[in-house]
N, C-alpha and C. Protein backbone atom coordinates (compact mmCIF):
# COMPACT_ATOMS: atom_id res chain seq x y z
N MET A 1 -40.47 -15.86 -97.49
CA MET A 1 -39.48 -15.12 -96.74
C MET A 1 -38.09 -15.70 -97.03
N HIS A 2 -37.11 -14.84 -97.08
CA HIS A 2 -35.74 -15.29 -97.35
C HIS A 2 -35.26 -16.18 -96.19
N PRO A 3 -34.56 -17.29 -96.51
CA PRO A 3 -34.10 -18.21 -95.45
C PRO A 3 -33.19 -17.54 -94.41
N THR A 4 -32.36 -16.59 -94.81
CA THR A 4 -31.50 -15.90 -93.84
C THR A 4 -32.34 -15.10 -92.86
N ILE A 5 -33.36 -14.43 -93.33
CA ILE A 5 -34.24 -13.64 -92.45
C ILE A 5 -34.99 -14.57 -91.51
N GLN A 6 -35.47 -15.68 -92.02
CA GLN A 6 -36.17 -16.66 -91.18
C GLN A 6 -35.24 -17.18 -90.08
N LYS A 7 -34.04 -17.56 -90.44
CA LYS A 7 -33.08 -18.10 -89.47
C LYS A 7 -32.69 -17.02 -88.46
N MET A 8 -32.51 -15.79 -88.93
CA MET A 8 -32.13 -14.71 -88.03
C MET A 8 -33.16 -14.52 -86.93
N GLN A 9 -34.43 -14.61 -87.29
CA GLN A 9 -35.49 -14.46 -86.29
C GLN A 9 -35.37 -15.52 -85.20
N ASP A 10 -34.91 -16.69 -85.57
CA ASP A 10 -34.78 -17.78 -84.61
C ASP A 10 -33.57 -17.63 -83.68
N VAL A 11 -32.48 -17.00 -84.17
CA VAL A 11 -31.24 -17.00 -83.38
C VAL A 11 -30.94 -15.69 -82.66
N VAL A 12 -31.42 -14.56 -83.15
CA VAL A 12 -31.04 -13.27 -82.53
C VAL A 12 -31.48 -13.19 -81.07
N ALA A 13 -32.72 -13.56 -80.79
CA ALA A 13 -33.23 -13.44 -79.42
C ALA A 13 -32.52 -14.38 -78.46
N LYS A 14 -31.90 -15.44 -78.96
CA LYS A 14 -31.21 -16.39 -78.10
C LYS A 14 -29.85 -15.87 -77.63
N GLY A 15 -29.32 -14.87 -78.31
CA GLY A 15 -28.04 -14.30 -77.91
C GLY A 15 -26.87 -15.24 -78.11
N ASP A 16 -26.91 -16.04 -79.15
CA ASP A 16 -25.85 -17.01 -79.43
C ASP A 16 -25.01 -16.50 -80.60
N ALA A 17 -23.87 -15.91 -80.28
CA ALA A 17 -23.01 -15.33 -81.32
C ALA A 17 -22.57 -16.38 -82.34
N ASP A 18 -22.36 -17.62 -81.91
CA ASP A 18 -21.94 -18.68 -82.83
C ASP A 18 -23.03 -19.03 -83.83
N ALA A 19 -24.29 -18.89 -83.45
CA ALA A 19 -25.40 -19.17 -84.37
C ALA A 19 -25.66 -17.98 -85.29
N ILE A 20 -25.35 -16.78 -84.82
CA ILE A 20 -25.57 -15.57 -85.61
C ILE A 20 -24.50 -15.41 -86.69
N ALA A 21 -23.26 -15.72 -86.36
CA ALA A 21 -22.13 -15.46 -87.26
C ALA A 21 -22.31 -16.01 -88.67
N PRO A 22 -22.79 -17.24 -88.88
CA PRO A 22 -22.91 -17.76 -90.25
C PRO A 22 -23.92 -17.00 -91.12
N LEU A 23 -24.76 -16.19 -90.51
CA LEU A 23 -25.75 -15.41 -91.26
C LEU A 23 -25.18 -14.09 -91.75
N LEU A 24 -24.00 -13.73 -91.28
CA LEU A 24 -23.40 -12.43 -91.55
C LEU A 24 -22.35 -12.51 -92.65
N ALA A 25 -22.36 -11.54 -93.54
CA ALA A 25 -21.30 -11.42 -94.54
C ALA A 25 -19.99 -11.10 -93.83
N GLU A 26 -18.89 -11.45 -94.44
CA GLU A 26 -17.57 -11.21 -93.83
C GLU A 26 -17.38 -9.73 -93.46
N GLY A 27 -17.79 -8.81 -94.33
CA GLY A 27 -17.62 -7.38 -94.09
C GLY A 27 -18.88 -6.69 -93.62
N VAL A 28 -19.77 -7.40 -92.94
CA VAL A 28 -21.04 -6.84 -92.47
C VAL A 28 -20.83 -5.53 -91.70
N LYS A 29 -21.77 -4.62 -91.88
CA LYS A 29 -21.75 -3.35 -91.16
C LYS A 29 -22.98 -3.31 -90.25
N PHE A 30 -22.75 -3.00 -88.97
CA PHE A 30 -23.82 -2.94 -87.97
C PHE A 30 -23.88 -1.54 -87.38
N MET A 31 -25.06 -0.93 -87.43
CA MET A 31 -25.28 0.39 -86.85
C MET A 31 -26.23 0.23 -85.67
N PRO A 32 -25.71 0.39 -84.43
CA PRO A 32 -26.54 0.20 -83.24
C PRO A 32 -27.40 1.44 -82.95
N PRO A 33 -28.43 1.27 -82.13
CA PRO A 33 -29.29 2.41 -81.79
C PRO A 33 -28.72 3.29 -80.69
N THR A 34 -27.63 2.86 -80.06
CA THR A 34 -27.14 3.53 -78.86
C THR A 34 -26.13 4.63 -79.10
N TYR A 35 -25.52 4.67 -80.26
CA TYR A 35 -24.54 5.70 -80.59
C TYR A 35 -24.29 5.68 -82.09
N TRP A 36 -23.64 6.75 -82.58
CA TRP A 36 -23.40 6.91 -84.01
C TRP A 36 -22.04 6.32 -84.35
N LYS A 37 -22.02 5.02 -84.55
CA LYS A 37 -20.79 4.31 -84.89
C LYS A 37 -21.17 3.09 -85.70
N VAL A 38 -20.27 2.64 -86.54
CA VAL A 38 -20.51 1.45 -87.34
C VAL A 38 -19.52 0.36 -86.91
N TRP A 39 -20.05 -0.78 -86.54
CA TRP A 39 -19.23 -1.96 -86.29
C TRP A 39 -19.07 -2.67 -87.62
N THR A 40 -17.88 -3.15 -87.92
CA THR A 40 -17.63 -3.81 -89.20
C THR A 40 -16.95 -5.15 -88.96
N GLY A 41 -17.41 -6.15 -89.68
CA GLY A 41 -16.79 -7.48 -89.62
C GLY A 41 -17.65 -8.50 -88.90
N ARG A 42 -17.63 -9.71 -89.42
CA ARG A 42 -18.47 -10.80 -88.91
C ARG A 42 -18.24 -11.07 -87.42
N ASP A 43 -17.00 -11.19 -86.99
CA ASP A 43 -16.74 -11.56 -85.59
C ASP A 43 -17.23 -10.47 -84.62
N ALA A 44 -16.92 -9.22 -84.94
CA ALA A 44 -17.33 -8.13 -84.05
C ALA A 44 -18.84 -8.00 -83.99
N VAL A 45 -19.50 -8.07 -85.14
CA VAL A 45 -20.95 -7.91 -85.17
C VAL A 45 -21.64 -9.09 -84.48
N ALA A 46 -21.15 -10.30 -84.70
CA ALA A 46 -21.74 -11.46 -84.02
C ALA A 46 -21.60 -11.31 -82.51
N ALA A 47 -20.45 -10.81 -82.05
CA ALA A 47 -20.24 -10.61 -80.61
C ALA A 47 -21.23 -9.59 -80.05
N VAL A 48 -21.41 -8.48 -80.75
CA VAL A 48 -22.37 -7.45 -80.30
C VAL A 48 -23.77 -8.03 -80.25
N LEU A 49 -24.20 -8.68 -81.33
CA LEU A 49 -25.56 -9.22 -81.39
C LEU A 49 -25.77 -10.33 -80.36
N GLY A 50 -24.73 -11.08 -80.07
CA GLY A 50 -24.83 -12.10 -79.03
C GLY A 50 -25.13 -11.49 -77.67
N HIS A 51 -24.48 -10.38 -77.36
CA HIS A 51 -24.73 -9.71 -76.09
C HIS A 51 -26.11 -9.07 -76.05
N VAL A 52 -26.54 -8.49 -77.16
CA VAL A 52 -27.86 -7.87 -77.20
C VAL A 52 -28.93 -8.90 -76.86
N GLY A 53 -28.78 -10.10 -77.40
CA GLY A 53 -29.75 -11.15 -77.12
C GLY A 53 -29.80 -11.54 -75.66
N GLN A 54 -28.72 -11.27 -74.93
CA GLN A 54 -28.70 -11.55 -73.49
C GLN A 54 -29.28 -10.40 -72.66
N VAL A 55 -29.25 -9.19 -73.21
CA VAL A 55 -29.76 -8.00 -72.51
C VAL A 55 -31.27 -7.88 -72.66
N PHE A 56 -31.77 -8.15 -73.86
CA PHE A 56 -33.21 -8.07 -74.11
C PHE A 56 -33.92 -9.24 -73.44
N THR A 57 -35.10 -8.99 -72.89
CA THR A 57 -35.98 -10.06 -72.44
C THR A 57 -37.31 -9.91 -73.15
N GLY A 58 -38.01 -11.01 -73.25
CA GLY A 58 -39.31 -10.98 -73.91
C GLY A 58 -39.24 -10.52 -75.36
N PHE A 59 -38.08 -10.73 -75.98
CA PHE A 59 -37.88 -10.26 -77.36
C PHE A 59 -38.75 -11.07 -78.31
N ARG A 60 -39.44 -10.35 -79.20
CA ARG A 60 -40.17 -11.02 -80.27
C ARG A 60 -40.34 -10.07 -81.44
N TYR A 61 -40.30 -10.66 -82.63
CA TYR A 61 -40.58 -9.89 -83.83
C TYR A 61 -42.09 -9.81 -84.00
N ARG A 62 -42.60 -8.59 -84.21
CA ARG A 62 -44.04 -8.38 -84.39
C ARG A 62 -44.45 -8.41 -85.85
N ARG A 63 -43.61 -7.86 -86.71
CA ARG A 63 -43.91 -7.82 -88.15
C ARG A 63 -42.61 -7.93 -88.92
N VAL A 64 -42.70 -8.59 -90.06
CA VAL A 64 -41.56 -8.70 -90.96
C VAL A 64 -42.03 -8.20 -92.32
N MET A 65 -41.32 -7.20 -92.84
CA MET A 65 -41.67 -6.60 -94.12
C MET A 65 -40.43 -6.62 -95.01
N GLY A 66 -40.63 -6.96 -96.26
CA GLY A 66 -39.50 -6.91 -97.17
C GLY A 66 -39.63 -7.90 -98.29
N ASP A 67 -38.60 -7.85 -99.13
CA ASP A 67 -38.55 -8.72 -100.29
C ASP A 67 -37.14 -8.62 -100.85
N GLY A 68 -36.70 -9.67 -101.48
CA GLY A 68 -35.38 -9.63 -102.10
C GLY A 68 -34.29 -9.40 -101.08
N ASP A 69 -33.55 -8.29 -101.24
CA ASP A 69 -32.42 -8.04 -100.34
C ASP A 69 -32.70 -6.97 -99.27
N ALA A 70 -33.90 -6.41 -99.22
CA ALA A 70 -34.21 -5.33 -98.26
C ALA A 70 -35.33 -5.76 -97.32
N TRP A 71 -35.05 -5.73 -96.00
CA TRP A 71 -35.98 -6.22 -95.00
C TRP A 71 -36.08 -5.26 -93.82
N ALA A 72 -37.26 -5.19 -93.22
CA ALA A 72 -37.50 -4.43 -91.99
C ALA A 72 -38.25 -5.36 -91.05
N LEU A 73 -37.68 -5.58 -89.87
CA LEU A 73 -38.27 -6.48 -88.88
C LEU A 73 -38.58 -5.68 -87.62
N GLU A 74 -39.86 -5.50 -87.35
CA GLU A 74 -40.29 -4.74 -86.18
C GLU A 74 -40.29 -5.67 -84.97
N PHE A 75 -39.72 -5.19 -83.85
CA PHE A 75 -39.64 -6.01 -82.66
C PHE A 75 -40.10 -5.26 -81.42
N GLN A 76 -40.36 -6.02 -80.37
CA GLN A 76 -40.59 -5.44 -79.05
C GLN A 76 -39.82 -6.28 -78.05
N CYS A 77 -39.46 -5.64 -76.93
CA CYS A 77 -38.69 -6.33 -75.91
C CYS A 77 -38.73 -5.51 -74.63
N LYS A 78 -38.05 -6.02 -73.63
CA LYS A 78 -37.82 -5.28 -72.40
C LYS A 78 -36.31 -5.20 -72.19
N ILE A 79 -35.90 -4.11 -71.58
CA ILE A 79 -34.52 -3.92 -71.14
C ILE A 79 -34.65 -3.59 -69.66
N GLY A 80 -34.35 -4.56 -68.82
CA GLY A 80 -34.67 -4.41 -67.41
C GLY A 80 -36.18 -4.35 -67.28
N ASP A 81 -36.68 -3.29 -66.63
CA ASP A 81 -38.13 -3.15 -66.50
C ASP A 81 -38.72 -2.16 -67.51
N LEU A 82 -37.91 -1.73 -68.47
CA LEU A 82 -38.35 -0.76 -69.47
C LEU A 82 -38.78 -1.45 -70.76
N ASP A 83 -39.90 -1.00 -71.32
CA ASP A 83 -40.37 -1.49 -72.61
C ASP A 83 -39.65 -0.77 -73.73
N ALA A 84 -39.46 -1.48 -74.83
CA ALA A 84 -38.85 -0.88 -76.02
C ALA A 84 -39.45 -1.51 -77.26
N VAL A 85 -39.48 -0.73 -78.32
CA VAL A 85 -39.84 -1.23 -79.64
C VAL A 85 -38.77 -0.74 -80.61
N GLY A 86 -38.64 -1.46 -81.69
CA GLY A 86 -37.64 -1.05 -82.66
C GLY A 86 -37.81 -1.77 -83.98
N VAL A 87 -36.91 -1.45 -84.89
CA VAL A 87 -36.92 -2.04 -86.21
C VAL A 87 -35.47 -2.39 -86.59
N ASP A 88 -35.29 -3.63 -87.04
CA ASP A 88 -34.03 -4.05 -87.62
C ASP A 88 -34.14 -3.83 -89.12
N LEU A 89 -33.27 -2.99 -89.67
CA LEU A 89 -33.24 -2.73 -91.11
C LEU A 89 -32.07 -3.53 -91.67
N ILE A 90 -32.38 -4.48 -92.51
CA ILE A 90 -31.37 -5.44 -92.97
C ILE A 90 -31.29 -5.44 -94.49
N THR A 91 -30.05 -5.44 -94.98
CA THR A 91 -29.80 -5.61 -96.41
C THR A 91 -28.96 -6.87 -96.57
N LEU A 92 -29.39 -7.72 -97.48
CA LEU A 92 -28.65 -8.95 -97.78
C LEU A 92 -27.74 -8.74 -98.99
N ASP A 93 -26.63 -9.46 -99.01
CA ASP A 93 -25.73 -9.38 -100.16
C ASP A 93 -26.15 -10.40 -101.23
N ALA A 94 -25.38 -10.51 -102.29
CA ALA A 94 -25.71 -11.42 -103.40
C ALA A 94 -25.72 -12.89 -102.97
N GLN A 95 -24.99 -13.22 -101.90
CA GLN A 95 -24.97 -14.59 -101.39
C GLN A 95 -26.09 -14.85 -100.38
N GLY A 96 -26.90 -13.83 -100.10
CA GLY A 96 -27.99 -13.99 -99.15
C GLY A 96 -27.58 -13.83 -97.71
N LEU A 97 -26.39 -13.28 -97.47
CA LEU A 97 -25.93 -13.03 -96.10
C LEU A 97 -26.22 -11.58 -95.72
N ILE A 98 -26.27 -11.32 -94.43
CA ILE A 98 -26.57 -9.98 -93.95
C ILE A 98 -25.35 -9.08 -94.18
N ALA A 99 -25.54 -8.06 -95.02
CA ALA A 99 -24.47 -7.12 -95.37
C ALA A 99 -24.53 -5.86 -94.51
N THR A 100 -25.75 -5.39 -94.23
CA THR A 100 -25.92 -4.24 -93.32
C THR A 100 -27.06 -4.58 -92.36
N PHE A 101 -26.89 -4.11 -91.13
CA PHE A 101 -27.86 -4.37 -90.07
C PHE A 101 -27.92 -3.10 -89.24
N GLU A 102 -29.00 -2.35 -89.39
CA GLU A 102 -29.18 -1.10 -88.65
C GLU A 102 -30.38 -1.26 -87.73
N VAL A 103 -30.23 -0.79 -86.50
CA VAL A 103 -31.31 -0.89 -85.52
C VAL A 103 -31.75 0.50 -85.12
N VAL A 104 -33.06 0.74 -85.19
CA VAL A 104 -33.65 1.97 -84.68
C VAL A 104 -34.62 1.57 -83.58
N MET A 105 -34.64 2.35 -82.47
CA MET A 105 -35.46 2.00 -81.31
C MET A 105 -36.05 3.24 -80.65
N ARG A 106 -37.05 2.99 -79.83
CA ARG A 106 -37.61 4.00 -78.96
C ARG A 106 -38.13 3.31 -77.72
N PRO A 107 -38.33 3.95 -76.63
CA PRO A 107 -38.05 5.35 -76.33
C PRO A 107 -36.59 5.56 -75.90
N HIS A 108 -36.24 6.82 -75.80
CA HIS A 108 -34.88 7.23 -75.46
C HIS A 108 -34.40 6.60 -74.15
N LYS A 109 -35.24 6.57 -73.14
CA LYS A 109 -34.85 6.02 -71.84
C LYS A 109 -34.44 4.55 -71.97
N SER A 110 -35.14 3.80 -72.78
CA SER A 110 -34.81 2.39 -72.98
C SER A 110 -33.49 2.22 -73.72
N ILE A 111 -33.23 3.11 -74.66
CA ILE A 111 -31.96 3.05 -75.39
C ILE A 111 -30.80 3.32 -74.45
N GLY A 112 -30.96 4.27 -73.52
CA GLY A 112 -29.93 4.53 -72.52
C GLY A 112 -29.68 3.31 -71.64
N ALA A 113 -30.75 2.63 -71.26
CA ALA A 113 -30.61 1.42 -70.45
C ALA A 113 -29.90 0.32 -71.24
N LEU A 114 -30.19 0.22 -72.53
CA LEU A 114 -29.51 -0.75 -73.38
C LEU A 114 -28.02 -0.44 -73.45
N ARG A 115 -27.68 0.82 -73.67
CA ARG A 115 -26.27 1.22 -73.74
C ARG A 115 -25.54 0.84 -72.45
N ASP A 116 -26.14 1.17 -71.31
CA ASP A 116 -25.49 0.88 -70.03
C ASP A 116 -25.33 -0.63 -69.81
N ALA A 117 -26.36 -1.40 -70.13
CA ALA A 117 -26.29 -2.85 -69.95
C ALA A 117 -25.26 -3.48 -70.88
N MET A 118 -25.21 -3.01 -72.11
CA MET A 118 -24.24 -3.54 -73.06
C MET A 118 -22.81 -3.22 -72.62
N ASN A 119 -22.57 -1.99 -72.21
CA ASN A 119 -21.23 -1.63 -71.75
C ASN A 119 -20.80 -2.48 -70.57
N ALA A 120 -21.69 -2.71 -69.64
CA ALA A 120 -21.36 -3.53 -68.47
C ALA A 120 -21.02 -4.96 -68.88
N ARG A 121 -21.75 -5.51 -69.83
CA ARG A 121 -21.51 -6.89 -70.26
C ARG A 121 -20.22 -7.03 -71.05
N VAL A 122 -20.04 -6.19 -72.06
CA VAL A 122 -18.90 -6.40 -72.96
C VAL A 122 -17.58 -6.11 -72.29
N MET A 123 -17.54 -5.23 -71.33
CA MET A 123 -16.27 -4.93 -70.66
C MET A 123 -15.83 -6.04 -69.70
N ARG A 124 -16.70 -7.02 -69.47
CA ARG A 124 -16.34 -8.19 -68.65
C ARG A 124 -16.15 -9.44 -69.48
N ASP A 125 -16.28 -9.33 -70.79
CA ASP A 125 -16.22 -10.49 -71.67
C ASP A 125 -14.86 -10.59 -72.33
N PRO A 126 -14.01 -11.54 -71.91
CA PRO A 126 -12.66 -11.65 -72.49
C PRO A 126 -12.67 -11.85 -74.01
N ALA A 127 -13.66 -12.59 -74.52
CA ALA A 127 -13.73 -12.80 -75.97
C ALA A 127 -14.04 -11.51 -76.70
N PHE A 128 -14.75 -10.62 -76.05
CA PHE A 128 -15.15 -9.37 -76.68
C PHE A 128 -14.06 -8.31 -76.60
N LEU A 129 -13.19 -8.39 -75.61
CA LEU A 129 -12.19 -7.35 -75.39
C LEU A 129 -11.23 -7.18 -76.55
N LYS A 130 -11.12 -8.19 -77.43
CA LYS A 130 -10.26 -8.01 -78.60
C LYS A 130 -10.83 -6.95 -79.55
N PHE A 131 -12.09 -6.62 -79.36
CA PHE A 131 -12.72 -5.56 -80.17
C PHE A 131 -12.74 -4.23 -79.43
N LYS A 132 -12.01 -4.15 -78.33
CA LYS A 132 -12.06 -2.96 -77.45
C LYS A 132 -11.77 -1.67 -78.18
N ASP A 133 -10.86 -1.68 -79.15
CA ASP A 133 -10.56 -0.46 -79.89
C ASP A 133 -11.81 0.11 -80.56
N ALA A 134 -12.66 -0.77 -81.00
CA ALA A 134 -13.90 -0.33 -81.64
C ALA A 134 -14.86 0.29 -80.64
N LEU A 135 -14.63 0.06 -79.36
CA LEU A 135 -15.52 0.60 -78.32
C LEU A 135 -15.15 2.02 -77.90
N SER A 136 -14.12 2.57 -78.45
CA SER A 136 -13.64 3.87 -77.99
C SER A 136 -14.67 4.97 -78.10
N ASN A 137 -15.66 4.83 -78.98
CA ASN A 137 -16.68 5.85 -79.13
C ASN A 137 -18.01 5.49 -78.51
N VAL A 138 -18.03 4.44 -77.69
CA VAL A 138 -19.30 4.01 -77.07
C VAL A 138 -19.80 5.04 -76.10
């Protein structure tokens, strides 16, 4: 398994943006499951992923599939009292850093709960508010 993918599995569930950031390419693109928007840039994406790790409980990767620069990591978690499953679709760049990170999830009700929990968290986070312009389509 690629070392970046291995390390990512260890840090994403902890919700530590400082530990996630070094795994991300400078121009990383993140596509969340909650709306049709792309977050771009290491700082913004690390901030989003840091909050996600705080919203999910019981997060664990069930399967990891991939090779080279293309990976799919199947996960399960809870959002409040709702169960969710999903897949992180990750592409690594030539330096082995995460260049794209797309999340697909189900069921719909859990995704709505994730959106609401994330909005509540990020709008109270002074460090995150510098990315507020990017939130205009949330």
